[in-house]
Amino acid sequence: WKGTRIYDPTGKDIGKVSGVVTDGTIISAFIVDVGGFLGIGEHRVALSKDMLNIAADADGAGTHVQVNATEDQLKALPKYEG
């Protein structure tokens, strides 16, 4: 999942997955870096699986991940410190 791009409802690229939180077998959260430029100024948040819509790309070659929130709404979430 690391490096997977995250898109808002309008299709705007708003971040990327930088890691996952698991209990060893089940993913409980995706760690997403929102905003920033070249790793500077990013806001890292934890998003539960139910916050994301994960589907195959239109061409079936990859995965498209969408969150039902804007970049500003994600930046308003508490920063992930894990």
N, C-alpha and C. Protein backbone atom coordinates (compact mmCIF):
# COMPACT_ATOMS: atom_id res chain seq x y z
N TRP A 1 0.81 -1.21 0.00
CA TRP A 1 0.00 0.00 0.00
C TRP A 1 0.84 1.26 0.00
N LYS A 2 2.06 1.16 0.53
CA LYS A 2 2.92 2.34 0.64
C LYS A 2 3.11 2.97 -0.74
N GLY A 3 2.90 4.29 -0.77
CA GLY A 3 3.04 5.04 -2.01
C GLY A 3 1.77 5.19 -2.81
N THR A 4 0.70 4.48 -2.43
CA THR A 4 -0.58 4.58 -3.14
C THR A 4 -1.14 5.99 -2.99
N ARG A 5 -1.52 6.59 -4.10
CA ARG A 5 -2.05 7.95 -4.09
C ARG A 5 -3.50 7.94 -3.58
N ILE A 6 -3.88 9.02 -2.89
CA ILE A 6 -5.23 9.19 -2.35
C ILE A 6 -5.87 10.38 -3.05
N TYR A 7 -7.13 10.21 -3.45
CA TYR A 7 -7.85 11.25 -4.20
C TYR A 7 -9.10 11.69 -3.44
N ASP A 8 -9.46 12.97 -3.62
CA ASP A 8 -10.70 13.47 -3.01
C ASP A 8 -11.87 13.14 -3.95
N PRO A 9 -13.11 13.48 -3.57
CA PRO A 9 -14.27 13.14 -4.40
C PRO A 9 -14.26 13.75 -5.80
N THR A 10 -13.48 14.82 -6.01
CA THR A 10 -13.42 15.43 -7.33
C THR A 10 -12.32 14.83 -8.19
N GLY A 11 -11.54 13.89 -7.62
CA GLY A 11 -10.45 13.28 -8.37
C GLY A 11 -9.11 13.95 -8.18
N LYS A 12 -9.06 14.95 -7.30
CA LYS A 12 -7.80 15.66 -7.03
C LYS A 12 -6.89 14.79 -6.16
N ASP A 13 -5.64 14.68 -6.54
CA ASP A 13 -4.64 13.95 -5.77
C ASP A 13 -4.33 14.77 -4.53
N ILE A 14 -4.62 14.21 -3.34
CA ILE A 14 -4.43 14.99 -2.11
C ILE A 14 -3.43 14.38 -1.14
N GLY A 15 -2.87 13.23 -1.48
CA GLY A 15 -1.89 12.64 -0.58
C GLY A 15 -1.49 11.25 -1.00
N LYS A 16 -0.74 10.59 -0.11
CA LYS A 16 -0.32 9.22 -0.40
C LYS A 16 -0.22 8.41 0.89
N VAL A 17 -0.37 7.10 0.74
CA VAL A 17 -0.24 6.20 1.87
C VAL A 17 1.25 6.07 2.21
N SER A 18 1.59 6.32 3.46
CA SER A 18 2.98 6.19 3.89
C SER A 18 3.18 4.96 4.76
N GLY A 19 2.07 4.31 5.16
CA GLY A 19 2.17 3.10 5.97
C GLY A 19 0.81 2.59 6.37
N VAL A 20 0.80 1.48 7.07
CA VAL A 20 -0.44 0.90 7.57
C VAL A 20 -0.25 0.50 9.03
N VAL A 21 -1.35 0.48 9.75
CA VAL A 21 -1.36 -0.01 11.13
C VAL A 21 -2.09 -1.34 11.10
N THR A 22 -1.45 -2.39 11.63
CA THR A 22 -2.07 -3.71 11.65
C THR A 22 -1.96 -4.33 13.03
N ASP A 23 -2.74 -5.38 13.21
CA ASP A 23 -2.61 -6.17 14.43
C ASP A 23 -1.80 -7.43 14.14
N GLY A 24 -1.13 -7.42 13.02
CA GLY A 24 -0.35 -8.57 12.57
C GLY A 24 -0.94 -9.20 11.33
N THR A 25 -2.27 -9.16 11.21
CA THR A 25 -2.93 -9.75 10.05
C THR A 25 -3.96 -8.83 9.41
N ILE A 26 -4.62 -8.01 10.20
CA ILE A 26 -5.70 -7.16 9.70
C ILE A 26 -5.28 -5.69 9.75
N ILE A 27 -5.50 -4.98 8.64
CA ILE A 27 -5.20 -3.54 8.60
C ILE A 27 -6.29 -2.80 9.35
N SER A 28 -5.89 -2.00 10.34
CA SER A 28 -6.86 -1.21 11.10
C SER A 28 -6.88 0.25 10.66
N ALA A 29 -5.79 0.72 10.05
CA ALA A 29 -5.74 2.11 9.58
C ALA A 29 -4.67 2.27 8.52
N PHE A 30 -4.91 3.22 7.64
CA PHE A 30 -3.92 3.62 6.65
C PHE A 30 -3.33 4.95 7.11
N ILE A 31 -2.02 5.07 7.11
CA ILE A 31 -1.36 6.32 7.46
C ILE A 31 -1.17 7.08 6.16
N VAL A 32 -1.73 8.29 6.10
CA VAL A 32 -1.74 9.08 4.87
C VAL A 32 -1.05 10.40 5.11
N ASP A 33 -0.12 10.74 4.20
CA ASP A 33 0.54 12.04 4.22
C ASP A 33 -0.24 12.96 3.29
N VAL A 34 -0.75 14.06 3.84
CA VAL A 34 -1.60 14.99 3.10
C VAL A 34 -0.86 16.30 2.90
N GLY A 35 -0.97 16.84 1.68
CA GLY A 35 -0.36 18.14 1.39
C GLY A 35 1.15 18.07 1.36
N GLY A 36 1.76 19.21 1.49
CA GLY A 36 3.22 19.29 1.48
C GLY A 36 3.78 19.23 0.06
N PHE A 37 5.10 19.36 0.00
CA PHE A 37 5.80 19.33 -1.28
C PHE A 37 7.14 18.66 -1.04
N LEU A 38 7.39 17.58 -1.74
CA LEU A 38 8.64 16.83 -1.61
C LEU A 38 8.92 16.42 -0.17
N GLY A 39 7.86 16.04 0.54
CA GLY A 39 8.03 15.58 1.92
C GLY A 39 8.10 16.66 2.96
N ILE A 40 8.02 17.92 2.55
CA ILE A 40 8.10 19.04 3.49
C ILE A 40 6.70 19.60 3.69
N GLY A 41 6.31 19.76 4.95
CA GLY A 41 5.01 20.35 5.27
C GLY A 41 3.84 19.39 5.19
N GLU A 42 4.12 18.09 5.10
CA GLU A 42 3.03 17.13 5.04
C GLU A 42 2.39 16.98 6.42
N HIS A 43 1.10 16.70 6.39
CA HIS A 43 0.34 16.44 7.62
C HIS A 43 -0.03 14.97 7.59
N ARG A 44 0.47 14.18 8.52
CA ARG A 44 0.24 12.73 8.55
C ARG A 44 -0.96 12.42 9.42
N VAL A 45 -1.94 11.68 8.84
CA VAL A 45 -3.15 11.30 9.56
C VAL A 45 -3.39 9.80 9.41
N ALA A 46 -4.13 9.23 10.35
CA ALA A 46 -4.55 7.83 10.29
C ALA A 46 -6.00 7.78 9.84
N LEU A 47 -6.26 7.04 8.77
CA LEU A 47 -7.62 6.89 8.26
C LEU A 47 -8.04 5.43 8.36
N SER A 48 -9.21 5.20 8.92
CA SER A 48 -9.71 3.82 9.01
C SER A 48 -10.12 3.35 7.62
N LYS A 49 -10.19 2.03 7.46
CA LYS A 49 -10.54 1.44 6.17
C LYS A 49 -11.89 1.93 5.67
N ASP A 50 -12.84 2.16 6.60
CA ASP A 50 -14.17 2.56 6.17
C ASP A 50 -14.23 4.00 5.67
N MET A 51 -13.16 4.76 5.85
CA MET A 51 -13.10 6.13 5.32
C MET A 51 -12.65 6.16 3.87
N LEU A 52 -12.17 5.01 3.37
CA LEU A 52 -11.61 4.95 2.02
C LEU A 52 -12.46 4.09 1.10
N ASN A 53 -12.53 4.51 -0.16
CA ASN A 53 -13.18 3.72 -1.20
C ASN A 53 -12.05 3.19 -2.08
N ILE A 54 -11.81 1.88 -2.01
CA ILE A 54 -10.72 1.27 -2.74
C ILE A 54 -11.29 0.48 -3.90
N ALA A 55 -10.83 0.78 -5.12
CA ALA A 55 -11.34 0.11 -6.31
C ALA A 55 -10.22 -0.01 -7.34
N ALA A 56 -10.44 -0.89 -8.30
CA ALA A 56 -9.48 -1.03 -9.39
C ALA A 56 -9.54 0.22 -10.27
N ASP A 57 -8.38 0.60 -10.82
CA ASP A 57 -8.34 1.70 -11.79
C ASP A 57 -9.23 1.36 -12.97
N ALA A 58 -9.61 2.36 -13.74
CA ALA A 58 -10.47 2.16 -14.89
C ALA A 58 -9.88 1.14 -15.87
N ASP A 59 -8.55 1.14 -16.01
CA ASP A 59 -7.91 0.20 -16.94
C ASP A 59 -7.60 -1.15 -16.27
N GLY A 60 -7.88 -1.26 -14.97
CA GLY A 60 -7.66 -2.50 -14.26
C GLY A 60 -6.20 -2.79 -13.92
N ALA A 61 -5.32 -1.84 -14.20
CA ALA A 61 -3.88 -2.06 -14.00
C ALA A 61 -3.41 -1.72 -12.60
N GLY A 62 -4.22 -1.02 -11.82
CA GLY A 62 -3.78 -0.61 -10.50
C GLY A 62 -4.97 -0.39 -9.58
N THR A 63 -4.70 0.33 -8.50
CA THR A 63 -5.72 0.59 -7.50
C THR A 63 -5.98 2.09 -7.39
N HIS A 64 -7.23 2.46 -7.29
CA HIS A 64 -7.63 3.85 -7.10
C HIS A 64 -8.24 3.97 -5.70
N VAL A 65 -7.71 4.88 -4.90
CA VAL A 65 -8.19 5.04 -3.53
C VAL A 65 -8.74 6.45 -3.37
N GLN A 66 -9.99 6.55 -2.97
CA GLN A 66 -10.65 7.83 -2.80
C GLN A 66 -11.15 7.97 -1.37
N VAL A 67 -11.02 9.16 -0.82
CA VAL A 67 -11.54 9.46 0.51
C VAL A 67 -12.65 10.49 0.33
N ASN A 68 -13.71 10.38 1.10
CA ASN A 68 -14.83 11.31 0.99
C ASN A 68 -14.56 12.53 1.88
N ALA A 69 -13.47 13.23 1.57
CA ALA A 69 -13.07 14.42 2.32
C ALA A 69 -12.13 15.24 1.44
N THR A 70 -12.04 16.50 1.75
CA THR A 70 -11.11 17.36 1.03
C THR A 70 -9.74 17.35 1.73
N GLU A 71 -8.77 17.89 1.07
CA GLU A 71 -7.44 18.00 1.65
C GLU A 71 -7.49 18.83 2.93
N ASP A 72 -8.23 19.92 2.92
CA ASP A 72 -8.35 20.77 4.12
C ASP A 72 -9.02 20.02 5.27
N GLN A 73 -10.03 19.22 4.98
CA GLN A 73 -10.69 18.44 6.03
C GLN A 73 -9.73 17.43 6.64
N LEU A 74 -8.90 16.80 5.82
CA LEU A 74 -7.92 15.84 6.35
C LEU A 74 -6.84 16.55 7.16
N LYS A 75 -6.44 17.74 6.73
CA LYS A 75 -5.43 18.49 7.48
C LYS A 75 -5.97 18.94 8.83
N ALA A 76 -7.31 19.01 8.97
CA ALA A 76 -7.91 19.41 10.25
C ALA A 76 -7.95 18.25 11.25
N LEU A 77 -7.70 17.02 10.78
CA LEU A 77 -7.68 15.87 11.67
C LEU A 77 -6.43 15.91 12.54
N PRO A 78 -6.47 15.25 13.70
CA PRO A 78 -5.28 15.21 14.56
C PRO A 78 -4.11 14.55 13.82
N LYS A 79 -2.94 15.08 14.04
CA LYS A 79 -1.73 14.55 13.40
C LYS A 79 -1.42 13.17 13.99
N TYR A 80 -1.08 12.22 13.10
CA TYR A 80 -0.71 10.88 13.54
C TYR A 80 0.73 10.90 14.04
N GLU A 81 0.95 10.42 15.25
CA GLU A 81 2.28 10.47 15.88
C GLU A 81 2.88 9.08 16.07
N GLY A 82 2.25 8.04 15.56
CA GLY A 82 2.66 6.66 15.81
C GLY A 82 3.93 6.24 15.28
